[in-house]
Amino acid sequence: MKKSVKRMLALLLVLALAFSMTACGKKEEEKKDEEITLTFQQWFADECPEGLFQEICDGFTKETGVKIELYNAPNAETKTTLLSGAANGTIADIVGTDGKWVSDLVDGGALTPLDDLFTANKVDTSLFSDMWKYKGKTYAMPMVTFCYPLAVNKTILADCGIAPEDIKTRTDFLNACEKITAKGYLAYGWNASTSNPAGLDHIFLNSFWASGGKLRDDEGMFHFEGNEEFKKTLDFFKELVSKGYIAPGYMTMIEPDVTAKFGSGDLAFCNPSISMLSIWATDSPDLNFTVIPMPVEDGYTEKSYIDYACWGVGISENCKHKDEAMKFIEYMFSAEANAKLAQGKGCFPGSTVSNPDYSQQSENFQKAFEIWKAGIARAEWNAAIEASTLRTGVLENVLKYVNGEVDMDTALAGCQKVCDDVYKK
């Protein structure tokens, strides 16, 4: 009887172990079979050579098994898509963003703070060339960048007896414009339309930042009144306008208008995105041009700060696989992936460890990269509250001054009020 009981207990134990192992095996198999797919809403893929962006993302899948599904939309539609997706719970896991959208996306529930994810996943944040913070928390980083050097028509300058490399200061630039206009050429293109205030950033503030200008303090507040470099930049542009050195129609021009004029050989100077350098090489093969750093205030000897646009990236608040999303972002900032993207698109890396090979790029592109490396990135609207409202309002006041409609104090007070009205609500 005792032997029978022992046999029965042994049999039950064996069956229990067998069942346990089978169940465990099934769980492991189920876990192994589970596939994670992260969705990525952006405009980058459509602006890259066909298949390039997907190929880079597929490299992450090969390393980790996590799939990346791209949702592509034009840049102009992406912000609206993200905000509506956050509102109805359909937002992608990973999101492409412009730095100027950050505060709106955070307030709209679209972006999740990244600092705890950095810590949990042991991310080396020195990988990131910049980190966009809003109310003390990091929400996104620029994956690649596009700077705006000064493009120079060498044919026009040669006819006027000017060497591009001799234009280093604002006085040099004004003297060059005087000779250029005296010869009957158009000197400088400025897309100053307030319908799209890019001309505030890439031209006016590009000059301001080049001479060490700074709009925001360490707490993120904007300061215009008493800002001496801003005053000097206002006077510089007022002189450009009053002496006819700015091409006519600037008040209604947008960026493509200016770059088209330069590409057709009608302008001596403009500030293009570096993406235009390859476009001109193809579309305007007879255009003889180069790029140089922005002229600085006379006597300025420190490093120049350089305006930039970019492709930023963050993680949505609704993402269910935030750790995997963070690993993907870390991958996109790795030396190999970031260099492949920068090389393929023809832009500059957002990763500090990326070392793209630009040997196949044009001489002008390589010059632009040297200008970029010699300076310090600065784009003070990134993560600003209601950046679009601020930029439009500041540009309106800048134009009132340079066109002689108001005095300096009124212009500065107007710029300050625009920012104070937003930040002190």
Foldseek 3Di string as FASTA:
>chain_A
DVVVVVVVVVVVVVVVVVVVVVVVVVVVVVVVPDAAEFEEEDAQQVLFPHPLVLVLQVVLCVVPVHHYHYDHDHPVCQLVVQLVCQVVVNHTFKYKDWLLCVQVCVVSQWWDFCPVLCVVLVPDVLQFLDFFDAPRTTTKGFFFKWFWFKKFQVVLQVVLVHDVVVQAALVSLVVSLVSSVVVPAAEEEAQLALVDLVSCQRPLVQQLQQLPFDQADPVLAGAQVVRVSNLVSLVSLLVCVVVRNYDPPNHHGDDVVRLVCVLVVRYRIYTDTQLVVVVSVPVRVVGRMAGDHRHHHPPRDDFGETEIIGIMMGGTPSNPCVSSVVVSVSSSSDQVNSLSSCQRSVTGGRTPNHDHDCVVPDPRSVVVVVSVVRHRYDDSSRNQFPSSQLSSQLSVLSVCSSVPNDDDVVSSVSSNCSRCVRPVD
